[in-house]
Amino acid sequence: MKAVIFCGGQGTRMRPLTDYIQKTMIPIGEYEKPLLEYIVRLLTYHGFNDFVFLTGYKRNQIENYFGDGSRFDCSIAYVDDDPNLKGTGGAILNAQEQIIKDNADGSFLVYYGDIISDFNLKEMYDNHLEKGKMATVVLSPEFQIPVGVAEMEEDGTVTSFVEKPTLKILANTGIAMLKSEFFKILDREKTKGQKMIDLNGELMPELAEKGEVNGFVTTSWWYDVGTLDKIAKLPHSKLNDKLNHLFE
């Protein structure tokens, strides 16, 4: 099974740390392994063994560590982002040749390099094939917002505060399975002269309107390591509990 991982961003929200370290190579957890290694090990655990790394900023740090992937029982191809094909959709389109190469069923996983999780990705993959839609997205049935919330009367009187409540909503994690036919949509956007082709902000909503997006709902743990504050507040005990088995 094939997986595409975004790992070329400059990590501007993590500066000054990312002035020196590619954000996916930041060491985390008890074993102080790179964030990207947690992702690779999770994916190989669930049967993905053919990876395309979408790289750019400080690519050498990634390639020097992961090489051809043999040390992790997988194969890894590297595709540098094209500045003329911007956005997540543009990065995927730029790597089309590698993504469709030796891809038996034509579907591929899209995973962000700053998301750690214990998603059952094999189950998601099977669900995607069963439903047969253009795209499948991983949805979480609840999401903890990062700020406190106040309840207020009509006259302006605040009656209570709830610190960082967990909302019962279907939160989009950004992780998705796509059919290879998706490249036709990306080619169309390129033909239109789009300077930025955004996967989740633009193309997924369009597919949803056409009934071509399947939701895979899971209560599995996930965490967005996208800012310095998120790194500082990373729940190491939860990380160790959920993912340490990948290193055993």
C-alpha atoms as a PDB file:
ATOM      1  CA  MET A   1       0.000   0.000   0.000  1.00  0.00           C
ATOM      2  CA  LYS A   2       1.258   3.458  -0.892  1.00  0.00           C
ATOM      3  CA  ALA A   3       1.467   6.504   1.396  1.00  0.00           C
ATOM      4  CA  VAL A   4       2.313  10.119   0.627  1.00  0.00           C
ATOM      5  CA  ILE A   5       3.677  12.236   3.479  1.00  0.00           C
ATOM      6  CA  PHE A   6       3.944  16.023   3.507  1.00  0.00           C
ATOM      7  CA  CYS A   7       7.333  16.824   5.035  1.00  0.00           C
ATOM      8  CA  GLY A   8       8.642  19.810   3.101  1.00  0.00           C
ATOM      9  CA  GLY A   9       7.219  22.764   4.979  1.00  0.00           C
ATOM     10  CA  GLN A  10       9.421  25.377   6.613  1.00  0.00           C
ATOM     11  CA  GLY A  11       7.649  25.078   9.968  1.00  0.00           C
ATOM     12  CA  THR A  12       7.345  28.829  10.412  1.00  0.00           C
ATOM     13  CA  ARG A  13       5.086  28.392  13.461  1.00  0.00           C
ATOM     14  CA  MET A  14       7.913  26.498  15.189  1.00  0.00           C
ATOM     15  CA  ARG A  15      10.658  29.067  14.744  1.00  0.00           C
ATOM     16  CA  PRO A  16      13.361  29.520  15.927  1.00  0.00           C
ATOM     17  CA  LEU A  17      13.563  25.734  16.439  1.00  0.00           C
ATOM     18  CA  THR A  18      12.938  25.053  12.754  1.00  0.00           C
ATOM     19  CA  ASP A  19      15.654  27.477  11.700  1.00  0.00           C
ATOM     20  CA  TYR A  20      17.950  24.535  12.479  1.00  0.00           C
ATOM     21  CA  ILE A  21      15.775  21.400  12.383  1.00  0.00           C
ATOM     22  CA  GLN A  22      13.256  20.247   9.800  1.00  0.00           C
ATOM     23  CA  LYS A  23       9.994  20.159  11.754  1.00  0.00           C
ATOM     24  CA  THR A  24       9.337  16.492  10.985  1.00  0.00           C
ATOM     25  CA  MET A  25      12.772  15.651  12.415  1.00  0.00           C
ATOM     26  CA  ILE A  26      12.149  17.189  15.846  1.00  0.00           C
ATOM     27  CA  PRO A  27      12.781  14.452  18.457  1.00  0.00           C
ATOM     28  CA  ILE A  28       9.811  13.552  20.644  1.00  0.00           C
ATOM     29  CA  GLY A  29       8.742  10.911  23.161  1.00  0.00           C
ATOM     30  CA  GLU A  30      10.590   8.599  25.497  1.00  0.00           C
ATOM     31  CA  TYR A  31      12.853   7.344  22.712  1.00  0.00           C
ATOM     32  CA  GLU A  32      13.549  10.878  21.405  1.00  0.00           C
ATOM     33  CA  LYS A  33      12.949   9.728  17.857  1.00  0.00           C
ATOM     34  CA  PRO A  34      12.022  12.133  15.044  1.00  0.00           C
ATOM     35  CA  LEU A  35       8.341  12.934  14.715  1.00  0.00           C
ATOM     36  CA  LEU A  36       8.437  11.503  11.184  1.00  0.00           C
ATOM     37  CA  GLU A  37       9.722   8.162  12.454  1.00  0.00           C
ATOM     38  CA  TYR A  38       6.590   7.742  14.566  1.00  0.00           C
ATOM     39  CA  ILE A  39       4.531   8.274  11.429  1.00  0.00           C
ATOM     40  CA  VAL A  40       6.589   5.875   9.315  1.00  0.00           C
ATOM     41  CA  ARG A  41       6.456   3.167  11.968  1.00  0.00           C
ATOM     42  CA  LEU A  42       2.684   3.580  12.392  1.00  0.00           C
ATOM     43  CA  LEU A  43       2.135   3.255   8.666  1.00  0.00           C
ATOM     44  CA  THR A  44       4.395   0.225   8.230  1.00  0.00           C
ATOM     45  CA  TYR A  45       2.683  -1.382  11.245  1.00  0.00           C
ATOM     46  CA  HIS A  46      -0.597  -1.147   9.316  1.00  0.00           C
ATOM     47  CA  GLY A  47       0.810  -2.523   6.071  1.00  0.00           C
ATOM     48  CA  PHE A  48       1.996   0.537   4.160  1.00  0.00           C
ATOM     49  CA  ASN A  49       5.438  -0.156   2.738  1.00  0.00           C
ATOM     50  CA  ASP A  50       5.779   2.191  -0.236  1.00  0.00           C
ATOM     51  CA  PHE A  51       6.313   5.851   0.694  1.00  0.00           C
ATOM     52  CA  VAL A  52       6.599   9.101  -1.203  1.00  0.00           C
ATOM     53  CA  PHE A  53       8.049  11.908   0.908  1.00  0.00           C
ATOM     54  CA  LEU A  54       7.082  15.354  -0.392  1.00  0.00           C
ATOM     55  CA  THR A  55      10.150  17.303   0.631  1.00  0.00           C
ATOM     56  CA  GLY A  56      11.713  20.715   0.273  1.00  0.00           C
ATOM     57  CA  TYR A  57      13.014  22.650   3.255  1.00  0.00           C
ATOM     58  CA  LYS A  58      16.038  20.896   4.836  1.00  0.00           C
ATOM     59  CA  ARG A  59      15.353  17.762   2.800  1.00  0.00           C
ATOM     60  CA  ASN A  60      18.854  16.388   3.515  1.00  0.00           C
ATOM     61  CA  GLN A  61      18.074  15.987   7.205  1.00  0.00           C
ATOM     62  CA  ILE A  62      15.213  13.665   6.293  1.00  0.00           C
ATOM     63  CA  GLU A  63      17.015  11.697   3.588  1.00  0.00           C
ATOM     64  CA  ASN A  64      20.192  11.301   5.653  1.00  0.00           C
ATOM     65  CA  TYR A  65      18.140   9.651   8.403  1.00  0.00           C
ATOM     66  CA  PHE A  66      15.641   7.541   6.460  1.00  0.00           C
ATOM     67  CA  GLY A  67      17.644   6.751   3.325  1.00  0.00           C
ATOM     68  CA  ASP A  68      15.857   4.382   0.968  1.00  0.00           C
ATOM     69  CA  GLY A  69      13.652   3.117   3.810  1.00  0.00           C
ATOM     70  CA  SER A  70      15.154  -0.372   4.029  1.00  0.00           C
ATOM     71  CA  ARG A  71      16.044   0.184   7.698  1.00  0.00           C
ATOM     72  CA  PHE A  72      12.304   0.588   8.328  1.00  0.00           C
ATOM     73  CA  ASP A  73      11.152  -2.297   6.100  1.00  0.00           C
ATOM     74  CA  CYS A  74       9.771  -0.004   3.424  1.00  0.00           C
ATOM     75  CA  SER A  75      10.839   1.862   0.299  1.00  0.00           C
ATOM     76  CA  ILE A  76      11.007   5.658   0.217  1.00  0.00           C
ATOM     77  CA  ALA A  77      11.058   7.995  -2.781  1.00  0.00           C
ATOM     78  CA  TYR A  78      11.729  11.719  -2.355  1.00  0.00           C
ATOM     79  CA  VAL A  79      10.058  14.403  -4.451  1.00  0.00           C
ATOM     80  CA  ASP A  80      10.998  18.047  -3.878  1.00  0.00           C
ATOM     81  CA  ASP A  81       8.171  20.554  -4.028  1.00  0.00           C
ATOM     82  CA  ASP A  82       7.882  22.612  -7.211  1.00  0.00           C
ATOM     83  CA  PRO A  83       7.566  26.354  -6.436  1.00  0.00           C
ATOM     84  CA  ASN A  84       5.267  26.636  -9.463  1.00  0.00           C
ATOM     85  CA  LEU A  85       2.831  24.109  -7.965  1.00  0.00           C
ATOM     86  CA  LYS A  86       1.956  25.532  -4.582  1.00  0.00           C
ATOM     87  CA  GLY A  87      -0.295  24.189  -1.874  1.00  0.00           C
ATOM     88  CA  THR A  88      -0.964  20.632  -0.738  1.00  0.00           C
ATOM     89  CA  GLY A  89      -2.740  19.779  -3.981  1.00  0.00           C
ATOM     90  CA  GLY A  90       0.140  21.166  -6.004  1.00  0.00           C
ATOM     91  CA  ALA A  91       2.641  19.083  -4.040  1.00  0.00           C
ATOM     92  CA  ILE A  92       0.637  15.919  -4.742  1.00  0.00           C
ATOM     93  CA  LEU A  93       0.309  16.754  -8.431  1.00  0.00           C
ATOM     94  CA  ASN A  94       4.056  17.379  -8.643  1.00  0.00           C
ATOM     95  CA  ALA A  95       4.680  13.849  -7.316  1.00  0.00           C
ATOM     96  CA  GLN A  96       2.136  12.144  -9.587  1.00  0.00           C
ATOM     97  CA  GLU A  97       4.689   9.961 -11.379  1.00  0.00           C
ATOM     98  CA  GLN A  98       6.013   8.475  -8.142  1.00  0.00           C
ATOM     99  CA  ILE A  99       2.558   8.110  -6.591  1.00  0.00           C
ATOM    100  CA  ILE A 100       1.032   6.127  -9.458  1.00  0.00           C
ATOM    101  CA  LYS A 101       4.196   4.053  -9.985  1.00  0.00           C
ATOM    102  CA  ASP A 102       3.636   0.379  -9.032  1.00  0.00           C
ATOM    103  CA  ASN A 103       0.334   1.329  -7.372  1.00  0.00           C
ATOM    104  CA  ALA A 104      -1.782  -1.785  -7.794  1.00  0.00           C
ATOM    105  CA  ASP A 105      -5.245  -0.558  -6.770  1.00  0.00           C
ATOM    106  CA  GLY A 106      -4.663   3.114  -7.574  1.00  0.00           C
ATOM    107  CA  SER A 107      -5.468   4.519  -4.123  1.00  0.00           C
ATOM    108  CA  PHE A 108      -2.974   6.225  -1.851  1.00  0.00           C
ATOM    109  CA  LEU A 109      -2.864   7.590   1.676  1.00  0.00           C
ATOM    110  CA  VAL A 110      -2.152  11.266   2.323  1.00  0.00           C
ATOM    111  CA  TYR A 111      -0.616  11.962   5.735  1.00  0.00           C
ATOM    112  CA  TYR A 112       0.679  15.207   7.231  1.00  0.00           C
ATOM    113  CA  GLY A 113       4.162  15.191   8.737  1.00  0.00           C
ATOM    114  CA  ASP A 114       3.117  17.056  11.878  1.00  0.00           C
ATOM    115  CA  ILE A 115       0.264  14.734  12.925  1.00  0.00           C
ATOM    116  CA  ILE A 116       0.897  11.856  15.312  1.00  0.00           C
ATOM    117  CA  SER A 117      -1.827   9.313  15.914  1.00  0.00           C
ATOM    118  CA  ASP A 118      -2.690   5.701  16.571  1.00  0.00           C
ATOM    119  CA  PHE A 119      -5.251   5.556  13.761  1.00  0.00           C
ATOM    120  CA  ASN A 120      -6.000   2.076  12.460  1.00  0.00           C
ATOM    121  CA  LEU A 121      -4.960   2.926   8.914  1.00  0.00           C
ATOM    122  CA  LYS A 122      -5.435  -0.602   7.573  1.00  0.00           C
ATOM    123  CA  GLU A 123      -9.063  -0.435   8.685  1.00  0.00           C
ATOM    124  CA  MET A 124      -9.382   2.974   7.047  1.00  0.00           C
ATOM    125  CA  TYR A 125      -7.864   1.619   3.827  1.00  0.00           C
ATOM    126  CA  ASP A 126     -10.299  -1.304   3.733  1.00  0.00           C
ATOM    127  CA  ASN A 127     -13.206   1.064   4.418  1.00  0.00           C
ATOM    128  CA  HIS A 128     -12.072   3.282   1.536  1.00  0.00           C
ATOM    129  CA  LEU A 129     -12.023   0.358  -0.900  1.00  0.00           C
ATOM    130  CA  GLU A 130     -15.395  -0.879   0.323  1.00  0.00           C
ATOM    131  CA  LYS A 131     -17.157   2.488  -0.074  1.00  0.00           C
ATOM    132  CA  GLY A 132     -15.613   3.177  -3.479  1.00  0.00           C
ATOM    133  CA  LYS A 133     -15.744   6.983  -3.293  1.00  0.00           C
ATOM    134  CA  MET A 134     -13.096   9.339  -4.644  1.00  0.00           C
ATOM    135  CA  ALA A 135     -11.862  10.217  -1.147  1.00  0.00           C
ATOM    136  CA  THR A 136     -12.017   8.973   2.432  1.00  0.00           C
ATOM    137  CA  VAL A 137     -11.155  11.294   5.315  1.00  0.00           C
ATOM    138  CA  VAL A 138     -10.384  10.440   8.940  1.00  0.00           C
ATOM    139  CA  LEU A 139     -12.834  12.178  11.269  1.00  0.00           C
ATOM    140  CA  SER A 140     -12.665  12.426  15.053  1.00  0.00           C
ATOM    141  CA  PRO A 141     -16.021  12.595  16.902  1.00  0.00           C
ATOM    142  CA  GLU A 142     -14.747  15.183  19.366  1.00  0.00           C
ATOM    143  CA  PHE A 143     -12.240  18.006  19.505  1.00  0.00           C
ATOM    144  CA  GLN A 144     -10.785  19.919  22.450  1.00  0.00           C
ATOM    145  CA  ILE A 145     -10.518  23.597  21.642  1.00  0.00           C
ATOM    146  CA  PRO A 146      -7.408  25.399  22.927  1.00  0.00           C
ATOM    147  CA  VAL A 147      -9.217  28.244  24.744  1.00  0.00           C
ATOM    148  CA  GLY A 148     -11.728  28.654  27.550  1.00  0.00           C
ATOM    149  CA  VAL A 149     -15.400  29.281  26.751  1.00  0.00           C
ATOM    150  CA  ALA A 150     -17.830  31.578  28.580  1.00  0.00           C
ATOM    151  CA  GLU A 151     -21.603  31.289  28.905  1.00  0.00           C
ATOM    152  CA  MET A 152     -23.374  34.642  28.940  1.00  0.00           C
ATOM    153  CA  GLU A 153     -26.887  35.971  29.512  1.00  0.00           C
ATOM    154  CA  GLU A 154     -28.557  38.351  27.060  1.00  0.00           C
ATOM    155  CA  ASP A 155     -27.811  41.289  29.378  1.00  0.00           C
ATOM    156  CA  GLY A 156     -24.081  40.540  29.222  1.00  0.00           C
ATOM    157  CA  THR A 157     -23.778  38.740  32.561  1.00  0.00           C
ATOM    158  CA  VAL A 158     -21.248  35.906  32.387  1.00  0.00           C
ATOM    159  CA  THR A 159     -22.655  32.916  34.252  1.00  0.00           C
ATOM    160  CA  SER A 160     -19.869  30.367  33.876  1.00  0.00           C
ATOM    161  CA  PHE A 161     -16.564  29.457  32.299  1.00  0.00           C
ATOM    162  CA  VAL A 162     -15.477  26.139  30.861  1.00  0.00           C
ATOM    163  CA  GLU A 163     -11.730  25.714  30.377  1.00  0.00           C
ATOM    164  CA  LYS A 164     -10.815  24.205  27.006  1.00  0.00           C
ATOM    165  CA  PRO A 165     -14.010  22.187  26.524  1.00  0.00           C
ATOM    166  CA  THR A 166     -14.232  19.143  24.291  1.00  0.00           C
ATOM    167  CA  LEU A 167     -16.804  19.664  21.562  1.00  0.00           C
ATOM    168  CA  LYS A 168     -18.864  16.848  20.107  1.00  0.00           C
ATOM    169  CA  ILE A 169     -18.163  17.564  16.456  1.00  0.00           C
ATOM    170  CA  LEU A 170     -16.730  15.619  13.534  1.00  0.00           C
ATOM    171  CA  ALA A 171     -13.255  17.136  13.370  1.00  0.00           C
ATOM    172  CA  ASN A 172     -11.346  16.713  10.127  1.00  0.00           C
ATOM    173  CA  THR A 173      -7.862  15.381  10.934  1.00  0.00           C
ATOM    174  CA  GLY A 174      -6.673  16.023   7.367  1.00  0.00           C
ATOM    175  CA  ILE A 175      -5.607  12.399   6.887  1.00  0.00           C
ATOM    176  CA  ALA A 176      -7.156  10.982   3.711  1.00  0.00           C
ATOM    177  CA  MET A 177      -7.211   8.186   1.160  1.00  0.00           C
ATOM    178  CA  LEU A 178      -7.537   9.246  -2.473  1.00  0.00           C
ATOM    179  CA  LYS A 179      -8.177   7.418  -5.712  1.00  0.00           C
ATOM    180  CA  SER A 180      -5.711   8.002  -8.533  1.00  0.00           C
ATOM    181  CA  GLU A 181      -8.586   9.604 -10.496  1.00  0.00           C
ATOM    182  CA  PHE A 182      -8.056  12.562  -8.172  1.00  0.00           C
ATOM    183  CA  PHE A 183      -5.176  13.626 -10.411  1.00  0.00           C
ATOM    184  CA  LYS A 184      -7.714  14.600 -13.081  1.00  0.00           C
ATOM    185  CA  ILE A 185      -9.062  17.220 -10.677  1.00  0.00           C
ATOM    186  CA  LEU A 186      -5.556  18.446  -9.883  1.00  0.00           C
ATOM    187  CA  ASP A 187      -4.729  18.689 -13.595  1.00  0.00           C
ATOM    188  CA  ARG A 188      -7.885  20.733 -14.109  1.00  0.00           C
ATOM    189  CA  GLU A 189      -6.839  23.166 -11.378  1.00  0.00           C
ATOM    190  CA  LYS A 190      -3.378  23.472 -12.927  1.00  0.00           C
ATOM    191  CA  THR A 191      -4.935  24.138 -16.348  1.00  0.00           C
ATOM    192  CA  LYS A 192      -7.041  26.901 -14.801  1.00  0.00           C
ATOM    193  CA  GLY A 193      -3.804  28.574 -13.754  1.00  0.00           C
ATOM    194  CA  GLN A 194      -4.430  28.231 -10.036  1.00  0.00           C
ATOM    195  CA  LYS A 195      -1.417  29.562  -8.100  1.00  0.00           C
ATOM    196  CA  MET A 196      -2.442  27.641  -4.974  1.00  0.00           C
ATOM    197  CA  ILE A 197      -4.151  24.241  -5.044  1.00  0.00           C
ATOM    198  CA  ASP A 198      -5.458  23.532  -1.550  1.00  0.00           C
ATOM    199  CA  LEU A 199      -6.527  19.978  -0.742  1.00  0.00           C
ATOM    200  CA  ASN A 200      -8.664  20.400   2.385  1.00  0.00           C
ATOM    201  CA  GLY A 201      -9.696  24.017   1.979  1.00  0.00           C
ATOM    202  CA  GLU A 202     -10.862  23.807  -1.623  1.00  0.00           C
ATOM    203  CA  LEU A 203     -10.905  20.411  -3.320  1.00  0.00           C
ATOM    204  CA  MET A 204     -12.370  18.252  -0.529  1.00  0.00           C
ATOM    205  CA  PRO A 205     -15.394  20.565  -0.097  1.00  0.00           C
ATOM    206  CA  GLU A 206     -15.975  20.364  -3.854  1.00  0.00           C
ATOM    207  CA  LEU A 207     -15.899  16.559  -3.762  1.00  0.00           C
ATOM    208  CA  ALA A 208     -18.195  16.545  -0.712  1.00  0.00           C
ATOM    209  CA  GLU A 209     -20.813  18.542  -2.640  1.00  0.00           C
ATOM    210  CA  LYS A 210     -20.714  15.806  -5.289  1.00  0.00           C
ATOM    211  CA  GLY A 211     -21.107  13.025  -2.713  1.00  0.00           C
ATOM    212  CA  GLU A 212     -17.607  11.709  -3.360  1.00  0.00           C
ATOM    213  CA  VAL A 213     -16.181  11.898   0.180  1.00  0.00           C
ATOM    214  CA  ASN A 214     -16.494   9.029   2.643  1.00  0.00           C
ATOM    215  CA  GLY A 215     -16.005   9.696   6.365  1.00  0.00           C
ATOM    216  CA  PHE A 216     -14.023   7.216   8.459  1.00  0.00           C
ATOM    217  CA  VAL A 217     -14.913   8.055  12.075  1.00  0.00           C
ATOM    218  CA  THR A 218     -12.497   6.906  14.760  1.00  0.00           C
ATOM    219  CA  THR A 219     -12.058   7.569  18.478  1.00  0.00           C
ATOM    220  CA  SER A 220      -8.320   6.874  18.193  1.00  0.00           C
ATOM    221  CA  TRP A 221      -5.889   9.374  19.699  1.00  0.00           C
ATOM    222  CA  TRP A 222      -4.303  12.044  17.520  1.00  0.00           C
ATOM    223  CA  TYR A 223      -2.279  15.195  18.127  1.00  0.00           C
ATOM    224  CA  ASP A 224      -1.297  18.064  15.853  1.00  0.00           C
ATOM    225  CA  VAL A 225       2.343  18.994  16.544  1.00  0.00           C
ATOM    226  CA  GLY A 226       2.195  22.181  14.514  1.00  0.00           C
ATOM    227  CA  THR A 227       3.473  24.917  16.813  1.00  0.00           C
ATOM    228  CA  LEU A 228       6.064  25.509  19.527  1.00  0.00           C
ATOM    229  CA  ASP A 229       3.245  25.598  22.070  1.00  0.00           C
ATOM    230  CA  LYS A 230       2.011  22.204  20.870  1.00  0.00           C
ATOM    231  CA  ILE A 231       5.508  20.764  21.162  1.00  0.00           C
ATOM    232  CA  ALA A 232       5.801  22.130  24.703  1.00  0.00           C
ATOM    233  CA  LYS A 233       2.429  20.634  25.680  1.00  0.00           C
ATOM    234  CA  LEU A 234       2.880  17.295  23.941  1.00  0.00           C
ATOM    235  CA  PRO A 235       1.370  14.660  26.292  1.00  0.00           C
ATOM    236  CA  HIS A 236       4.383  12.349  26.500  1.00  0.00           C
ATOM    237  CA  SER A 237       2.629   9.806  28.719  1.00  0.00           C
ATOM    238  CA  LYS A 238      -0.161   9.471  26.165  1.00  0.00           C
ATOM    239  CA  LEU A 239       2.353   9.280  23.319  1.00  0.00           C
ATOM    240  CA  ASN A 240       4.314   6.563  25.102  1.00  0.00           C
ATOM    241  CA  ASP A 241       1.155   4.635  25.961  1.00  0.00           C
ATOM    242  CA  LYS A 242      -0.227   4.728  22.435  1.00  0.00           C
ATOM    243  CA  LEU A 243       2.859   4.393  20.244  1.00  0.00           C
ATOM    244  CA  ASN A 244       5.796   2.887  22.142  1.00  0.00           C
ATOM    245  CA  HIS A 245       4.784  -0.573  20.901  1.00  0.00           C
ATOM    246  CA  LEU A 246       5.900   0.526  17.433  1.00  0.00           C
ATOM    247  CA  PHE A 247       9.523   0.474  18.636  1.00  0.00           C
ATOM    248  CA  GLU A 248       9.412  -2.943  20.286  1.00  0.00           C
END
